[in-house]
Amino acid sequence: MDSKPEILAFFDEPTFTVTYLVADPATGAAAVIDPVLDYDQASARIGAASVEALLAAAAERGWRIEMVLETHAHADHLSGAKLIAARTGAWIGIGALITQVQATFVPMFGADDVLPEGRDFDHLLHDDEVLPLGNLAFTVMHTPGHTAACISFRIADAVFVGDTVFMPDYGTARTDFPGGNASALYASIRRILSLPDETRLFLCHDYKGPGRSEFAWETTVGEQRRTNVQAHDGIDEATFVAQRQARDATLAPPRLLLPSIQVNIRGGRLPPADAQGLRALRLPLRAGDEGAATLLS
């Protein structure tokens, strides 16, 4: 019996996001982690090409997708979770503290259709919870900091770390979103890096570190401990927090922040249709200077 999962990665360059298809080769049971729904911002057109490619890869190998796992409510891409669930019957899981994220954003977007108690998701996942996958199993790790609800998934010698760390030459995730916390992120990173050095880490994004020409999304605990530019061994919490907060202060909002949050707090469900059958995302307006503030008064 195989003791390690088979892992396929699907990189979406427009959003720099990596989706994973993870399977127990002995039984064909499979999971999808952080799926992408294609979205063209200029035309507000959604597409299923990324989901179709993933489903085709699973079908080609005879794998049965049983679960769709989200590491958090992403701010940089729309989730394809609901589409995959509709096509396969898989259940959708996310960290239990998604309810805190929803409480922040539901009023902002008037998203009154979001179901209470996180019920847009099938399972709210807790720290150390075990999720069987054929003869293998994921263990949930609560790894907050980027958001309060972030979780990682450990299976055999692999951990899917979401937005905690990136490739060592790029560093770590931002912590300036609502519920983000640099001290919490430091603790989460140290928890992950306390695993054996040979543990493989699979990342949710890559933006290419300085001078690197190719995208990459797999590293190891040992490599991170030695060379992560923001979180290698020897960087204490105070230093990390100061550097992380200084870096966050220079960052612009993600390009797809507003549409992503609205879809992702619904578990990948689109907003409900209006009387004319139109499904629309909201675009809250903010004043960029004192002159424009007059328009919003």
Protein backbone atom coordinates (compact mmCIF):
# COMPACT_ATOMS: atom_id res chain seq x y z
CA MET A 1 0.00 0.00 0.00
CA ASP A 2 1.33 3.48 -0.94
CA SER A 3 2.08 5.59 2.12
CA LYS A 4 2.34 8.93 0.32
CA PRO A 5 -0.22 10.85 -1.70
CA GLU A 6 0.12 11.63 -5.37
CA ILE A 7 0.08 15.39 -5.87
CA LEU A 8 -0.66 17.35 -9.04
CA ALA A 9 -0.24 21.14 -9.12
CA PHE A 10 -2.16 23.53 -11.39
CA PHE A 11 -0.68 27.03 -11.61
CA ASP A 12 -2.97 29.91 -12.54
CA GLU A 13 -0.59 32.62 -13.70
CA PRO A 14 -3.16 35.46 -13.88
CA THR A 15 -3.64 35.17 -10.10
CA PHE A 16 -0.30 33.48 -9.26
CA THR A 17 -2.32 30.77 -7.48
CA VAL A 18 -1.54 27.07 -7.19
CA THR A 19 -4.39 24.57 -6.92
CA TYR A 20 -3.60 21.04 -5.83
CA LEU A 21 -5.19 17.72 -6.69
CA VAL A 22 -4.18 15.23 -4.00
CA ALA A 23 -4.97 11.52 -4.21
CA ASP A 24 -4.43 8.27 -2.37
CA PRO A 25 -3.06 6.16 -5.25
CA ALA A 26 -4.17 2.93 -3.58
CA THR A 27 -7.86 3.80 -3.53
CA GLY A 28 -8.27 6.70 -5.97
CA ALA A 29 -9.82 8.94 -3.32
CA ALA A 30 -8.88 12.55 -4.07
CA ALA A 31 -9.12 16.07 -2.71
CA VAL A 32 -8.81 19.50 -4.29
CA ILE A 33 -7.10 22.29 -2.38
CA ASP A 34 -7.69 25.99 -3.18
CA PRO A 35 -9.39 25.75 -6.60
CA VAL A 36 -9.57 28.73 -8.96
CA LEU A 37 -12.62 29.97 -10.85
CA ASP A 38 -11.51 31.93 -13.90
CA TYR A 39 -12.53 35.59 -13.80
CA ASP A 40 -11.84 38.39 -16.26
CA GLN A 41 -12.07 41.66 -14.36
CA ALA A 42 -12.53 43.93 -17.37
CA SER A 43 -15.57 42.05 -18.67
CA ALA A 44 -16.75 40.57 -15.35
CA ARG A 45 -16.85 37.23 -17.15
CA ILE A 46 -16.37 34.00 -15.24
CA GLY A 47 -15.02 30.81 -16.76
CA ALA A 48 -14.47 27.17 -15.88
CA ALA A 49 -11.31 26.31 -17.81
CA SER A 50 -9.19 25.88 -14.68
CA VAL A 51 -11.80 23.64 -13.05
CA GLU A 52 -12.26 21.63 -16.25
CA ALA A 53 -8.52 20.96 -16.50
CA LEU A 54 -8.44 19.70 -12.93
CA LEU A 55 -11.51 17.49 -13.41
CA ALA A 56 -10.04 16.06 -16.61
CA ALA A 57 -6.80 15.17 -14.83
CA ALA A 58 -8.72 13.37 -12.09
CA ALA A 59 -10.88 11.48 -14.61
CA GLU A 60 -7.85 10.45 -16.65
CA ARG A 61 -6.38 8.79 -13.56
CA GLY A 62 -9.63 7.29 -12.32
CA TRP A 63 -9.59 9.44 -9.17
CA ARG A 64 -12.77 10.31 -7.26
CA ILE A 65 -12.81 13.83 -5.86
CA GLU A 66 -14.35 13.52 -2.40
CA MET A 67 -13.56 16.89 -0.82
CA VAL A 68 -12.65 20.46 -1.70
CA LEU A 69 -10.49 22.13 0.95
CA GLU A 70 -9.91 25.87 1.28
CA THR A 71 -6.96 27.12 3.30
CA HIS A 72 -8.81 30.44 3.82
CA ALA A 73 -11.17 32.91 2.14
CA HIS A 74 -8.81 34.14 -0.56
CA ALA A 75 -8.51 37.79 -1.52
CA ASP A 76 -6.80 37.29 -4.87
CA HIS A 77 -8.89 34.77 -6.80
CA LEU A 78 -12.44 33.49 -6.95
CA SER A 79 -12.97 29.98 -5.62
CA GLY A 80 -14.05 27.16 -7.90
CA ALA A 81 -15.23 25.08 -4.93
CA LYS A 82 -18.98 25.20 -5.64
CA LEU A 83 -18.49 24.26 -9.29
CA ILE A 84 -16.32 21.26 -8.38
CA ALA A 85 -18.81 20.18 -5.72
CA ALA A 86 -21.67 20.43 -8.22
CA ARG A 87 -19.78 18.30 -10.74
CA THR A 88 -18.47 15.65 -8.35
CA GLY A 89 -20.63 15.60 -5.19
CA ALA A 90 -17.58 16.53 -3.11
CA TRP A 91 -18.02 18.36 0.18
CA ILE A 92 -16.41 21.75 0.87
CA GLY A 93 -14.39 22.46 4.02
CA ILE A 94 -12.76 25.56 5.46
CA GLY A 95 -11.45 26.70 8.85
CA ALA A 96 -14.12 27.14 11.49
CA LEU A 97 -13.21 30.79 12.05
CA ILE A 98 -14.54 31.65 8.58
CA THR A 99 -17.54 32.92 10.52
CA GLN A 100 -15.39 35.80 11.81
CA VAL A 101 -14.36 36.66 8.26
CA GLN A 102 -17.98 36.56 7.13
CA ALA A 103 -19.03 38.82 10.02
CA THR A 104 -16.53 41.42 8.80
CA PHE A 105 -17.45 41.39 5.12
CA VAL A 106 -21.18 40.56 4.98
CA PRO A 107 -22.20 44.09 6.08
CA MET A 108 -19.62 45.70 3.78
CA PHE A 109 -21.08 44.02 0.71
CA GLY A 110 -24.70 43.74 1.80
CA ALA A 111 -24.32 39.97 1.44
CA ASP A 112 -27.41 39.12 3.47
CA ASP A 113 -27.83 35.83 1.60
CA VAL A 114 -24.70 34.41 3.27
CA LEU A 115 -25.96 31.60 5.46
CA PRO A 116 -25.49 31.89 9.24
CA GLU A 117 -22.95 29.79 11.15
CA GLY A 118 -20.82 29.21 8.05
CA ARG A 119 -23.38 26.99 6.38
CA ASP A 120 -22.29 27.99 2.88
CA PHE A 121 -19.58 25.40 3.60
CA ASP A 122 -20.31 21.75 4.30
CA HIS A 123 -17.72 21.34 7.06
CA LEU A 124 -16.06 23.88 9.36
CA LEU A 125 -12.68 22.44 10.26
CA HIS A 126 -10.83 22.64 13.58
CA ASP A 127 -7.22 22.32 14.67
CA ASP A 128 -5.99 18.70 14.76
CA GLU A 129 -9.14 17.41 13.03
CA VAL A 130 -8.47 14.34 10.87
CA LEU A 131 -9.96 14.04 7.38
CA PRO A 132 -9.69 10.51 5.92
CA LEU A 133 -8.70 10.25 2.26
CA GLY A 134 -8.79 6.60 1.26
CA ASN A 135 -6.04 4.88 3.24
CA LEU A 136 -4.43 8.24 4.02
CA ALA A 137 -5.65 11.24 5.99
CA PHE A 138 -5.22 14.99 6.27
CA THR A 139 -4.63 16.58 9.66
CA VAL A 140 -5.88 20.13 9.99
CA MET A 141 -3.46 22.71 11.39
CA HIS A 142 -4.83 26.10 12.45
CA THR A 143 -2.22 28.53 11.12
CA PRO A 144 -3.62 32.07 11.56
CA GLY A 145 -1.84 35.32 10.84
CA HIS A 146 -2.58 36.09 7.20
CA THR A 147 -6.22 35.86 8.31
CA ALA A 148 -7.67 34.62 11.57
CA ALA A 149 -9.25 31.64 9.83
CA CYS A 150 -6.23 30.27 7.92
CA ILE A 151 -5.57 26.55 8.11
CA SER A 152 -3.00 24.17 6.60
CA PHE A 153 -3.41 20.51 5.69
CA ARG A 154 -0.80 17.87 6.56
CA ILE A 155 -0.87 14.49 4.83
CA ALA A 156 2.02 12.02 5.17
CA ASP A 157 5.22 14.04 4.53
CA ALA A 158 3.43 16.95 2.82
CA VAL A 159 1.81 20.13 4.17
CA PHE A 160 -0.33 22.49 2.12
CA VAL A 161 0.40 25.76 3.87
CA GLY A 162 -1.89 28.23 2.10
CA ASP A 163 -0.66 31.81 2.61
CA THR A 164 1.72 31.37 5.51
CA VAL A 165 5.08 31.18 3.75
CA PHE A 166 6.08 31.57 0.11
CA MET A 167 9.24 30.34 -1.56
CA PRO A 168 12.26 31.16 0.63
CA ASP A 169 13.47 33.91 -1.70
CA TYR A 170 10.10 35.72 -1.44
CA GLY A 171 9.26 35.35 2.25
CA THR A 172 5.90 35.24 3.98
CA ALA A 173 2.28 36.35 3.63
CA ARG A 174 0.96 39.83 4.36
CA THR A 175 -0.88 40.37 7.64
CA ASP A 176 -2.75 43.63 7.07
CA PHE A 177 -6.15 42.15 6.14
CA PRO A 178 -8.97 42.24 8.73
CA GLY A 179 -8.12 39.62 11.35
CA GLY A 180 -4.51 39.42 10.20
CA ASN A 181 -1.79 39.50 12.84
CA ALA A 182 1.97 39.41 12.38
CA SER A 183 2.64 37.82 15.78
CA ALA A 184 0.12 35.08 15.03
CA LEU A 185 1.73 34.49 11.64
CA TYR A 186 5.15 34.16 13.28
CA ALA A 187 3.76 31.50 15.66
CA SER A 188 2.11 29.66 12.78
CA ILE A 189 5.32 29.65 10.76
CA ARG A 190 7.33 28.35 13.70
CA ARG A 191 4.74 25.60 14.18
CA ILE A 192 5.09 24.52 10.57
CA LEU A 193 8.88 24.77 10.71
CA SER A 194 8.98 22.56 13.81
CA LEU A 195 8.13 19.61 11.56
CA PRO A 196 10.96 17.39 10.27
CA ASP A 197 13.33 19.12 7.87
CA GLU A 198 12.39 16.80 5.00
CA THR A 199 8.69 17.68 5.24
CA ARG A 200 7.51 19.00 1.88
CA LEU A 201 5.67 22.32 1.88
CA PHE A 202 3.26 23.14 -0.94
CA LEU A 203 2.50 26.83 -1.35
CA CYS A 204 -0.67 28.58 -2.52
CA HIS A 205 1.14 31.30 -4.49
CA ASP A 206 4.40 32.21 -6.15
CA TYR A 207 5.48 35.62 -7.41
CA LYS A 208 9.13 34.78 -8.27
CA GLY A 209 11.80 35.99 -5.90
CA PRO A 210 14.42 38.52 -7.03
CA GLY A 211 16.39 37.20 -9.99
CA ARG A 212 14.37 33.97 -10.30
CA SER A 213 13.04 33.27 -13.81
CA GLU A 214 10.74 30.31 -13.12
CA PHE A 215 7.68 29.93 -10.93
CA ALA A 216 8.00 27.43 -8.06
CA TRP A 217 5.68 26.24 -5.30
CA GLU A 218 7.32 23.32 -3.50
CA THR A 219 9.94 23.67 -0.80
CA THR A 220 10.85 21.92 2.47
CA VAL A 221 10.88 22.76 6.14
CA GLY A 222 14.68 22.57 6.14
CA GLU A 223 15.03 24.93 3.20
CA GLN A 224 12.66 27.43 4.80
CA ARG A 225 14.50 27.29 8.13
CA ARG A 226 17.83 27.93 6.44
CA THR A 227 16.99 30.51 3.82
CA ASN A 228 13.54 32.14 4.09
CA VAL A 229 14.36 35.82 3.73
CA GLN A 230 11.81 36.88 6.35
CA ALA A 231 11.49 33.88 8.66
CA HIS A 232 14.67 31.79 8.70
CA ASP A 233 16.01 30.39 11.95
CA GLY A 234 17.42 33.16 14.13
CA ILE A 235 14.81 35.79 13.34
CA ASP A 236 12.93 36.44 16.56
CA GLU A 237 9.29 37.45 16.85
CA ALA A 238 9.90 41.14 17.45
CA THR A 239 12.16 41.44 14.41
CA PHE A 240 9.75 39.49 12.23
CA VAL A 241 6.74 41.55 13.32
CA ALA A 242 8.51 44.86 12.73
CA GLN A 243 9.73 43.85 9.30
CA ARG A 244 6.41 42.29 8.30
CA GLN A 245 4.40 45.33 9.34
CA ALA A 246 6.79 47.68 7.55
CA ARG A 247 6.47 45.62 4.38
CA ASP A 248 2.67 45.44 4.67
CA ALA A 249 2.47 49.23 4.83
CA THR A 250 3.87 49.40 1.28
CA LEU A 251 1.50 46.87 -0.31
CA ALA A 252 -1.44 47.74 -2.55
CA PRO A 253 -4.73 45.80 -2.21
CA PRO A 254 -4.88 42.62 -4.31
CA ARG A 255 -6.24 43.28 -7.79
CA LEU A 256 -9.23 40.96 -7.32
CA LEU A 257 -9.83 41.69 -3.65
CA LEU A 258 -13.42 42.93 -3.92
CA PRO A 259 -14.86 40.26 -6.24
CA SER A 260 -12.88 37.47 -4.56
CA ILE A 261 -14.08 38.16 -1.04
CA GLN A 262 -17.71 38.37 -2.12
CA VAL A 263 -17.63 34.96 -3.81
CA ASN A 264 -15.33 33.25 -1.36
CA ILE A 265 -17.26 34.06 1.83
CA ARG A 266 -20.11 32.24 0.07
CA GLY A 267 -17.96 29.15 -0.42
CA GLY A 268 -17.60 29.81 -4.13
CA ARG A 269 -21.30 30.54 -4.63
CA LEU A 270 -22.20 33.54 -6.78
CA PRO A 271 -24.45 36.26 -5.37
CA PRO A 272 -28.17 35.62 -5.88
CA ALA A 273 -29.87 36.81 -9.06
CA ASP A 274 -32.05 39.92 -8.98
CA ALA A 275 -35.54 40.23 -10.48
CA GLN A 276 -34.04 40.51 -13.96
CA GLY A 277 -31.91 37.39 -13.47
CA LEU A 278 -28.68 39.37 -13.15
CA ARG A 279 -26.02 38.26 -10.68
CA ALA A 280 -23.87 41.19 -9.67
CA LEU A 281 -20.90 41.89 -7.42
CA ARG A 282 -20.79 45.09 -5.39
CA LEU A 283 -18.02 47.65 -5.74
CA PRO A 284 -18.01 49.85 -2.63
CA LEU A 285 -16.64 53.29 -3.44
CA ARG A 286 -14.16 55.12 -1.20
CA ALA A 287 -12.81 58.62 -1.51
CA GLY A 288 -9.16 58.79 -2.57
CA ASP A 289 -8.76 62.43 -1.58
CA GLU A 290 -10.62 65.32 0.03
CA GLY A 291 -12.04 66.54 -3.24
CA ALA A 292 -13.64 63.21 -4.08
CA ALA A 293 -15.01 62.93 -0.55
CA THR A 294 -17.63 65.52 -1.51
CA LEU A 295 -19.16 63.03 -3.94
CA LEU A 296 -19.65 60.47 -1.16
CA SER A 297 -21.02 62.84 1.44
